[in-house]
């Protein structure tokens, strides 16, 4: 799904920025070799096995937890 892939690319871009790295994607929503490569790197870094490049529930959970940690929550 193009929208989910664009969201994934956006999250990976935000994580890269937080790690003082350059932006990775143009957030096109196209899941190509570059997206797969960076998903595998994320999976390896976060001990998600197998590091296949497939974004399943464990990978989404880790991505969203890491992404949420980058953003301060607004006070009610």
C-alpha atoms as a PDB file:
ATOM      1  CA  UNK A   1       0.000   0.000   0.000  1.00  0.00           C
ATOM      2  CA  UNK A   2       1.504   3.287  -1.159  1.00  0.00           C
ATOM      3  CA  UNK A   3       0.240   5.323   1.816  1.00  0.00           C
ATOM      4  CA  UNK A   4       1.709   2.868   4.350  1.00  0.00           C
ATOM      5  CA  UNK A   5       5.034   2.831   2.508  1.00  0.00           C
ATOM      6  CA  UNK A   6       5.132   6.652   2.418  1.00  0.00           C
ATOM      7  CA  UNK A   7       4.454   6.674   6.184  1.00  0.00           C
ATOM      8  CA  UNK A   8       7.231   4.108   6.701  1.00  0.00           C
ATOM      9  CA  UNK A   9       9.630   6.276   4.675  1.00  0.00           C
ATOM     10  CA  UNK A  10       8.599   9.357   6.669  1.00  0.00           C
ATOM     11  CA  UNK A  11       9.278   7.558   9.967  1.00  0.00           C
ATOM     12  CA  UNK A  12      12.673   6.304   8.749  1.00  0.00           C
ATOM     13  CA  UNK A  13      13.526   9.856   7.633  1.00  0.00           C
ATOM     14  CA  UNK A  14      12.616  11.227  11.077  1.00  0.00           C
ATOM     15  CA  UNK A  15      14.734   8.554  12.786  1.00  0.00           C
ATOM     16  CA  UNK A  16      17.684   9.368  10.497  1.00  0.00           C
ATOM     17  CA  UNK A  17      17.316  13.071  11.286  1.00  0.00           C
ATOM     18  CA  UNK A  18      17.284  12.328  15.031  1.00  0.00           C
ATOM     19  CA  UNK A  19      20.505  10.340  14.551  1.00  0.00           C
ATOM     20  CA  UNK A  20      22.067  13.357  12.752  1.00  0.00           C
ATOM     21  CA  UNK A  21      22.010  11.527   9.429  1.00  0.00           C
ATOM     22  CA  UNK A  22      20.747  12.879   6.105  1.00  0.00           C
ATOM     23  CA  UNK A  23      17.237  12.305   4.865  1.00  0.00           C
ATOM     24  CA  UNK A  24      16.985   8.889   3.194  1.00  0.00           C
ATOM     25  CA  UNK A  25      13.826   9.020   1.076  1.00  0.00           C
ATOM     26  CA  UNK A  26      11.661  11.383  -0.927  1.00  0.00           C
ATOM     27  CA  UNK A  27       8.672   9.578   0.657  1.00  0.00           C
ATOM     28  CA  UNK A  28       7.282   8.510  -2.713  1.00  0.00           C
ATOM     29  CA  UNK A  29       5.436   5.500  -1.345  1.00  0.00           C
ATOM     30  CA  UNK A  30       7.335   3.156  -3.666  1.00  0.00           C
ATOM     31  CA  UNK A  31       8.791   0.165  -1.806  1.00  0.00           C
ATOM     32  CA  UNK A  32      12.006  -0.468  -3.693  1.00  0.00           C
ATOM     33  CA  UNK A  33      15.463  -1.838  -2.879  1.00  0.00           C
ATOM     34  CA  UNK A  34      16.475   1.282  -0.914  1.00  0.00           C
ATOM     35  CA  UNK A  35      13.432   1.030   1.366  1.00  0.00           C
ATOM     36  CA  UNK A  36      14.041  -2.683   1.895  1.00  0.00           C
ATOM     37  CA  UNK A  37      17.727  -2.049   2.675  1.00  0.00           C
ATOM     38  CA  UNK A  38      16.880   0.518   5.366  1.00  0.00           C
ATOM     39  CA  UNK A  39      14.162  -1.670   6.862  1.00  0.00           C
ATOM     40  CA  UNK A  40      16.702  -4.516   7.148  1.00  0.00           C
ATOM     41  CA  UNK A  41      19.209  -2.156   8.820  1.00  0.00           C
ATOM     42  CA  UNK A  42      16.512  -1.059  11.295  1.00  0.00           C
ATOM     43  CA  UNK A  43      15.543  -4.676  11.983  1.00  0.00           C
ATOM     44  CA  UNK A  44      19.175  -5.666  12.593  1.00  0.00           C
ATOM     45  CA  UNK A  45      19.779  -2.678  14.892  1.00  0.00           C
ATOM     46  CA  UNK A  46      16.662  -3.551  16.917  1.00  0.00           C
ATOM     47  CA  UNK A  47      17.220  -7.337  16.981  1.00  0.00           C
ATOM     48  CA  UNK A  48      14.105  -8.114  14.957  1.00  0.00           C
ATOM     49  CA  UNK A  49      14.432 -11.566  13.501  1.00  0.00           C
ATOM     50  CA  UNK A  50      14.417 -12.408  10.725  1.00  0.00           C
ATOM     51  CA  UNK A  51      15.800  -9.173   9.293  1.00  0.00           C
ATOM     52  CA  UNK A  52      13.971  -9.738   6.023  1.00  0.00           C
ATOM     53  CA  UNK A  53      12.953  -6.247   4.994  1.00  0.00           C
ATOM     54  CA  UNK A  54       9.307  -7.218   5.450  1.00  0.00           C
ATOM     55  CA  UNK A  55       7.523  -4.765   7.745  1.00  0.00           C
ATOM     56  CA  UNK A  56       5.362  -6.982   9.929  1.00  0.00           C
ATOM     57  CA  UNK A  57       3.834  -6.319  13.353  1.00  0.00           C
ATOM     58  CA  UNK A  58       7.145  -6.536  15.287  1.00  0.00           C
ATOM     59  CA  UNK A  59       8.855  -4.110  12.939  1.00  0.00           C
ATOM     60  CA  UNK A  60       5.936  -1.634  12.955  1.00  0.00           C
ATOM     61  CA  UNK A  61       5.844  -1.767  16.764  1.00  0.00           C
ATOM     62  CA  UNK A  62       9.579  -1.037  17.041  1.00  0.00           C
ATOM     63  CA  UNK A  63       9.398   1.713  14.396  1.00  0.00           C
ATOM     64  CA  UNK A  64       6.455   3.432  16.067  1.00  0.00           C
ATOM     65  CA  UNK A  65       8.009   3.175  19.539  1.00  0.00           C
ATOM     66  CA  UNK A  66      11.283   4.669  18.277  1.00  0.00           C
ATOM     67  CA  UNK A  67       9.429   7.367  16.346  1.00  0.00           C
ATOM     68  CA  UNK A  68       7.193   8.263  19.296  1.00  0.00           C
ATOM     69  CA  UNK A  69      10.270   8.608  21.506  1.00  0.00           C
ATOM     70  CA  UNK A  70      11.527  11.348  19.164  1.00  0.00           C
ATOM     71  CA  UNK A  71       8.486  13.527  19.718  1.00  0.00           C
ATOM     72  CA  UNK A  72       7.515  15.173  22.990  1.00  0.00           C
ATOM     73  CA  UNK A  73       3.883  14.577  23.851  1.00  0.00           C
ATOM     74  CA  UNK A  74       1.723  17.693  24.157  1.00  0.00           C
ATOM     75  CA  UNK A  75       0.413  18.544  27.598  1.00  0.00           C
ATOM     76  CA  UNK A  76      -3.356  18.345  28.038  1.00  0.00           C
END
